[in-house]
């Protein structure tokens, strides 16, 4: 699964994660770097913290 490149893809990922959240321990803690990208008027910059979180969820 490739990492999201746009805000729309990140929202799609969040939706899929919400569906399987009961099977992943501490999912809300792992998704913390994504929450700052979801804020309004924030540029979408996928950095190392987001990549680390994405890899830990995978």
PDB file of N, CA and C in Angstrom:
ATOM      1  N   UNK A   1       0.844  -1.172   0.000  1.00  0.00           N
ATOM      2  CA  UNK A   1       0.000   0.000   0.000  1.00  0.00           C
ATOM      3  C   UNK A   1       0.895   1.243   0.000  1.00  0.00           C
ATOM      4  N   UNK A   2       0.760   2.111  -0.979  1.00  0.00           N
ATOM      5  CA  UNK A   2       1.576   3.333  -1.011  1.00  0.00           C
ATOM      6  C   UNK A   2       1.046   4.375  -0.029  1.00  0.00           C
ATOM      7  N   UNK A   3       1.911   5.252   0.463  1.00  0.00           N
ATOM      8  CA  UNK A   3       1.441   6.302   1.369  1.00  0.00           C
ATOM      9  C   UNK A   3       0.580   7.314   0.618  1.00  0.00           C
ATOM     10  N   UNK A   4      -0.334   7.975   1.311  1.00  0.00           N
ATOM     11  CA  UNK A   4      -1.200   8.956   0.648  1.00  0.00           C
ATOM     12  C   UNK A   4      -0.408  10.169   0.172  1.00  0.00           C
ATOM     13  N   UNK A   5      -0.797  10.708  -0.970  1.00  0.00           N
ATOM     14  CA  UNK A   5      -0.113  11.862  -1.539  1.00  0.00           C
ATOM     15  C   UNK A   5      -0.960  13.125  -1.485  1.00  0.00           C
ATOM     16  N   UNK A   6      -2.251  12.989  -1.203  1.00  0.00           N
ATOM     17  CA  UNK A   6      -3.150  14.134  -1.118  1.00  0.00           C
ATOM     18  C   UNK A   6      -4.017  14.022   0.131  1.00  0.00           C
ATOM     19  N   UNK A   7      -4.677  15.110   0.442  1.00  0.00           N
ATOM     20  CA  UNK A   7      -5.570  15.117   1.595  1.00  0.00           C
ATOM     21  C   UNK A   7      -6.735  14.161   1.388  1.00  0.00           C
ATOM     22  N   UNK A   8      -7.209  14.063   0.170  1.00  0.00           N
ATOM     23  CA  UNK A   8      -8.314  13.146  -0.120  1.00  0.00           C
ATOM     24  C   UNK A   8      -7.907  11.692   0.124  1.00  0.00           C
ATOM     25  N   UNK A   9      -6.696  11.327  -0.266  1.00  0.00           N
ATOM     26  CA  UNK A   9      -6.209   9.970  -0.033  1.00  0.00           C
ATOM     27  C   UNK A   9      -6.014   9.714   1.460  1.00  0.00           C
ATOM     28  N   UNK A  10      -5.579  10.742   2.205  1.00  0.00           N
ATOM     29  CA  UNK A  10      -5.419  10.593   3.650  1.00  0.00           C
ATOM     30  C   UNK A  10      -6.770  10.385   4.324  1.00  0.00           C
ATOM     31  N   UNK A  11      -7.792  11.104   3.885  1.00  0.00           N
ATOM     32  CA  UNK A  11      -9.130  10.916   4.433  1.00  0.00           C
ATOM     33  C   UNK A  11      -9.652   9.517   4.130  1.00  0.00           C
ATOM     34  N   UNK A  12      -9.349   9.019   2.954  1.00  0.00           N
ATOM     35  CA  UNK A  12      -9.746   7.662   2.592  1.00  0.00           C
ATOM     36  C   UNK A  12      -9.056   6.645   3.500  1.00  0.00           C
ATOM     37  N   UNK A  13      -7.782   6.854   3.754  1.00  0.00           N
ATOM     38  CA  UNK A  13      -7.031   5.974   4.654  1.00  0.00           C
ATOM     39  C   UNK A  13      -7.629   6.011   6.052  1.00  0.00           C
ATOM     40  N   UNK A  14      -7.971   7.209   6.535  1.00  0.00           N
ATOM     41  CA  UNK A  14      -8.572   7.342   7.862  1.00  0.00           C
ATOM     42  C   UNK A  14      -9.893   6.570   7.943  1.00  0.00           C
ATOM     43  N   UNK A  15     -10.668   6.606   6.876  1.00  0.00           N
ATOM     44  CA  UNK A  15     -11.917   5.869   6.855  1.00  0.00           C
ATOM     45  C   UNK A  15     -11.705   4.373   6.914  1.00  0.00           C
ATOM     46  N   UNK A  16     -10.720   3.885   6.168  1.00  0.00           N
ATOM     47  CA  UNK A  16     -10.426   2.443   6.204  1.00  0.00           C
ATOM     48  C   UNK A  16      -9.899   2.026   7.563  1.00  0.00           C
ATOM     49  N   UNK A  17      -9.088   2.898   8.193  1.00  0.00           N
ATOM     50  CA  UNK A  17      -8.566   2.579   9.516  1.00  0.00           C
ATOM     51  C   UNK A  17      -9.673   2.572  10.562  1.00  0.00           C
ATOM     52  N   UNK A  18     -10.655   3.450  10.412  1.00  0.00           N
ATOM     53  CA  UNK A  18     -11.776   3.471  11.353  1.00  0.00           C
ATOM     54  C   UNK A  18     -12.545   2.162  11.295  1.00  0.00           C
ATOM     55  N   UNK A  19     -12.610   1.564  10.115  1.00  0.00           N
ATOM     56  CA  UNK A  19     -13.317   0.302   9.947  1.00  0.00           C
ATOM     57  C   UNK A  19     -12.611  -0.853  10.671  1.00  0.00           C
ATOM     58  N   UNK A  20     -11.270  -0.847  10.685  1.00  0.00           N
ATOM     59  CA  UNK A  20     -10.518  -1.959  11.286  1.00  0.00           C
ATOM     60  C   UNK A  20      -9.852  -1.583  12.606  1.00  0.00           C
ATOM     61  N   UNK A  21     -10.275  -0.492  13.237  1.00  0.00           N
ATOM     62  CA  UNK A  21      -9.588   0.015  14.427  1.00  0.00           C
ATOM     63  C   UNK A  21      -9.600  -0.952  15.601  1.00  0.00           C
ATOM     64  N   UNK A  22     -10.588  -1.818  15.681  1.00  0.00           N
ATOM     65  CA  UNK A  22     -10.645  -2.738  16.824  1.00  0.00           C
ATOM     66  C   UNK A  22      -9.564  -3.810  16.766  1.00  0.00           C
ATOM     67  N   UNK A  23      -8.955  -4.000  15.600  1.00  0.00           N
ATOM     68  CA  UNK A  23      -7.919  -5.022  15.458  1.00  0.00           C
ATOM     69  C   UNK A  23      -6.505  -4.482  15.621  1.00  0.00           C
ATOM     70  N   UNK A  24      -6.346  -3.162  15.716  1.00  0.00           N
ATOM     71  CA  UNK A  24      -5.028  -2.534  15.832  1.00  0.00           C
ATOM     72  C   UNK A  24      -4.951  -1.861  17.198  1.00  0.00           C
ATOM     73  N   UNK A  25      -3.957  -2.259  17.996  1.00  0.00           N
ATOM     74  CA  UNK A  25      -3.819  -1.673  19.328  1.00  0.00           C
ATOM     75  C   UNK A  25      -3.258  -0.256  19.230  1.00  0.00           C
ATOM     76  N   UNK A  26      -3.756   0.624  20.077  1.00  0.00           N
ATOM     77  CA  UNK A  26      -3.323   2.012  20.182  1.00  0.00           C
ATOM     78  C   UNK A  26      -3.358   2.738  18.831  1.00  0.00           C
ATOM     79  N   UNK A  27      -4.413   2.557  18.098  1.00  0.00           N
ATOM     80  CA  UNK A  27      -4.502   3.181  16.774  1.00  0.00           C
ATOM     81  C   UNK A  27      -4.573   4.696  16.857  1.00  0.00           C
ATOM     82  N   UNK A  28      -5.289   5.227  17.827  1.00  0.00           N
ATOM     83  CA  UNK A  28      -5.399   6.682  17.931  1.00  0.00           C
ATOM     84  C   UNK A  28      -4.044   7.312  18.236  1.00  0.00           C
ATOM     85  N   UNK A  29      -3.228   6.651  19.031  1.00  0.00           N
ATOM     86  CA  UNK A  29      -1.889   7.154  19.313  1.00  0.00           C
ATOM     87  C   UNK A  29      -0.985   7.084  18.099  1.00  0.00           C
ATOM     88  N   UNK A  30      -1.156   6.070  17.300  1.00  0.00           N
ATOM     89  CA  UNK A  30      -0.337   5.917  16.102  1.00  0.00           C
ATOM     90  C   UNK A  30      -0.719   6.915  15.015  1.00  0.00           C
ATOM     91  N   UNK A  31      -1.958   7.366  15.017  1.00  0.00           N
ATOM     92  CA  UNK A  31      -2.453   8.288  13.981  1.00  0.00           C
ATOM     93  C   UNK A  31      -2.263   9.754  14.343  1.00  0.00           C
ATOM     94  N   UNK A  32      -1.590  10.059  15.427  1.00  0.00           N
ATOM     95  CA  UNK A  32      -1.393  11.451  15.832  1.00  0.00           C
ATOM     96  C   UNK A  32      -0.735  12.316  14.757  1.00  0.00           C
ATOM     97  N   UNK A  33       0.306  11.857  14.057  1.00  0.00           N
ATOM     98  CA  UNK A  33       0.905  12.714  13.021  1.00  0.00           C
ATOM     99  C   UNK A  33      -0.056  13.053  11.882  1.00  0.00           C
ATOM    100  N   UNK A  34      -1.058  12.213  11.659  1.00  0.00           N
ATOM    101  CA  UNK A  34      -2.019  12.481  10.585  1.00  0.00           C
ATOM    102  C   UNK A  34      -2.968  13.608  10.953  1.00  0.00           C
ATOM    103  N   UNK A  35      -3.224  13.784  12.247  1.00  0.00           N
ATOM    104  CA  UNK A  35      -4.227  14.756  12.673  1.00  0.00           C
ATOM    105  C   UNK A  35      -3.817  16.182  12.338  1.00  0.00           C
ATOM    106  N   UNK A  36      -2.536  16.488  12.373  1.00  0.00           N
ATOM    107  CA  UNK A  36      -2.115  17.854  12.027  1.00  0.00           C
ATOM    108  C   UNK A  36      -2.248  18.126  10.533  1.00  0.00           C
ATOM    109  N   UNK A  37      -2.180  17.092   9.710  1.00  0.00           N
ATOM    110  CA  UNK A  37      -2.376  17.283   8.273  1.00  0.00           C
ATOM    111  C   UNK A  37      -3.840  17.488   7.921  1.00  0.00           C
ATOM    112  N   UNK A  38      -4.745  17.049   8.787  1.00  0.00           N
ATOM    113  CA  UNK A  38      -6.175  17.150   8.528  1.00  0.00           C
ATOM    114  C   UNK A  38      -6.740  18.522   8.874  1.00  0.00           C
ATOM    115  N   UNK A  39      -5.964  19.361   9.558  1.00  0.00           N
ATOM    116  CA  UNK A  39      -6.458  20.669   9.961  1.00  0.00           C
ATOM    117  C   UNK A  39      -6.640  21.580   8.754  1.00  0.00           C
ATOM    118  N   UNK A  40      -7.565  22.502   8.895  1.00  0.00           N
ATOM    119  CA  UNK A  40      -7.891  23.430   7.811  1.00  0.00           C
ATOM    120  C   UNK A  40      -6.743  24.424   7.597  1.00  0.00           C
ATOM    121  N   UNK A  41      -6.523  24.807   6.361  1.00  0.00           N
ATOM    122  CA  UNK A  41      -5.498  25.785   5.966  1.00  0.00           C
ATOM    123  C   UNK A  41      -4.085  25.341   6.335  1.00  0.00           C
ATOM    124  N   UNK A  42      -3.840  24.047   6.329  1.00  0.00           N
ATOM    125  CA  UNK A  42      -2.509  23.498   6.583  1.00  0.00           C
ATOM    126  C   UNK A  42      -2.030  22.815   5.309  1.00  0.00           C
ATOM    127  N   UNK A  43      -0.808  23.137   4.856  1.00  0.00           N
ATOM    128  CA  UNK A  43      -0.321  22.466   3.637  1.00  0.00           C
ATOM    129  C   UNK A  43      -0.075  20.981   3.895  1.00  0.00           C
ATOM    130  N   UNK A  44      -0.325  20.180   2.881  1.00  0.00           N
ATOM    131  CA  UNK A  44      -0.143  18.729   3.000  1.00  0.00           C
ATOM    132  C   UNK A  44       1.318  18.403   2.725  1.00  0.00           C
ATOM    133  N   UNK A  45       2.081  18.187   3.791  1.00  0.00           N
ATOM    134  CA  UNK A  45       3.499  17.825   3.679  1.00  0.00           C
ATOM    135  C   UNK A  45       3.699  16.516   4.429  1.00  0.00           C
ATOM    136  N   UNK A  46       3.950  15.458   3.673  1.00  0.00           N
ATOM    137  CA  UNK A  46       4.155  14.118   4.235  1.00  0.00           C
ATOM    138  C   UNK A  46       5.600  14.028   4.702  1.00  0.00           C
ATOM    139  N   UNK A  47       5.832  14.072   6.011  1.00  0.00           N
ATOM    140  CA  UNK A  47       7.194  14.066   6.534  1.00  0.00           C
ATOM    141  C   UNK A  47       7.551  12.707   7.144  1.00  0.00           C
ATOM    142  N   UNK A  48       8.699  12.656   7.803  1.00  0.00           N
ATOM    143  CA  UNK A  48       9.191  11.394   8.372  1.00  0.00           C
ATOM    144  C   UNK A  48       8.283  10.871   9.487  1.00  0.00           C
ATOM    145  N   UNK A  49       7.716  11.771  10.292  1.00  0.00           N
ATOM    146  CA  UNK A  49       6.835  11.327  11.379  1.00  0.00           C
ATOM    147  C   UNK A  49       5.592  10.650  10.808  1.00  0.00           C
ATOM    148  N   UNK A  50       5.056  11.199   9.739  1.00  0.00           N
ATOM    149  CA  UNK A  50       3.883  10.583   9.100  1.00  0.00           C
ATOM    150  C   UNK A  50       4.251   9.236   8.492  1.00  0.00           C
ATOM    151  N   UNK A  51       5.412   9.155   7.884  1.00  0.00           N
ATOM    152  CA  UNK A  51       5.844   7.900   7.278  1.00  0.00           C
ATOM    153  C   UNK A  51       6.070   6.824   8.334  1.00  0.00           C
ATOM    154  N   UNK A  52       6.654   7.217   9.473  1.00  0.00           N
ATOM    155  CA  UNK A  52       6.869   6.263  10.584  1.00  0.00           C
ATOM    156  C   UNK A  52       5.524   5.741  11.099  1.00  0.00           C
ATOM    157  N   UNK A  53       4.554   6.634  11.263  1.00  0.00           N
ATOM    158  CA  UNK A  53       3.233   6.222  11.735  1.00  0.00           C
ATOM    159  C   UNK A  53       2.572   5.300  10.724  1.00  0.00           C
ATOM    160  N   UNK A  54       2.680   5.645   9.459  1.00  0.00           N
ATOM    161  CA  UNK A  54       2.087   4.825   8.395  1.00  0.00           C
ATOM    162  C   UNK A  54       2.705   3.427   8.389  1.00  0.00           C
ATOM    163  N   UNK A  55       4.021   3.355   8.532  1.00  0.00           N
ATOM    164  CA  UNK A  55       4.703   2.052   8.540  1.00  0.00           C
ATOM    165  C   UNK A  55       4.325   1.237   9.776  1.00  0.00           C
ATOM    166  N   UNK A  56       4.161   1.878  10.930  1.00  0.00           N
ATOM    167  CA  UNK A  56       3.804   1.131  12.131  1.00  0.00           C
ATOM    168  C   UNK A  56       2.384   0.577  12.045  1.00  0.00           C
ATOM    169  N   UNK A  57       1.500   1.301  11.370  1.00  0.00           N
ATOM    170  CA  UNK A  57       0.134   0.809  11.199  1.00  0.00           C
ATOM    171  C   UNK A  57       0.098  -0.354  10.218  1.00  0.00           C
ATOM    172  N   UNK A  58       0.894  -0.260   9.161  1.00  0.00           N
ATOM    173  CA  UNK A  58       0.922  -1.361   8.192  1.00  0.00           C
ATOM    174  C   UNK A  58       1.426  -2.609   8.859  1.00  0.00           C
TER     175      UNK A  58
END
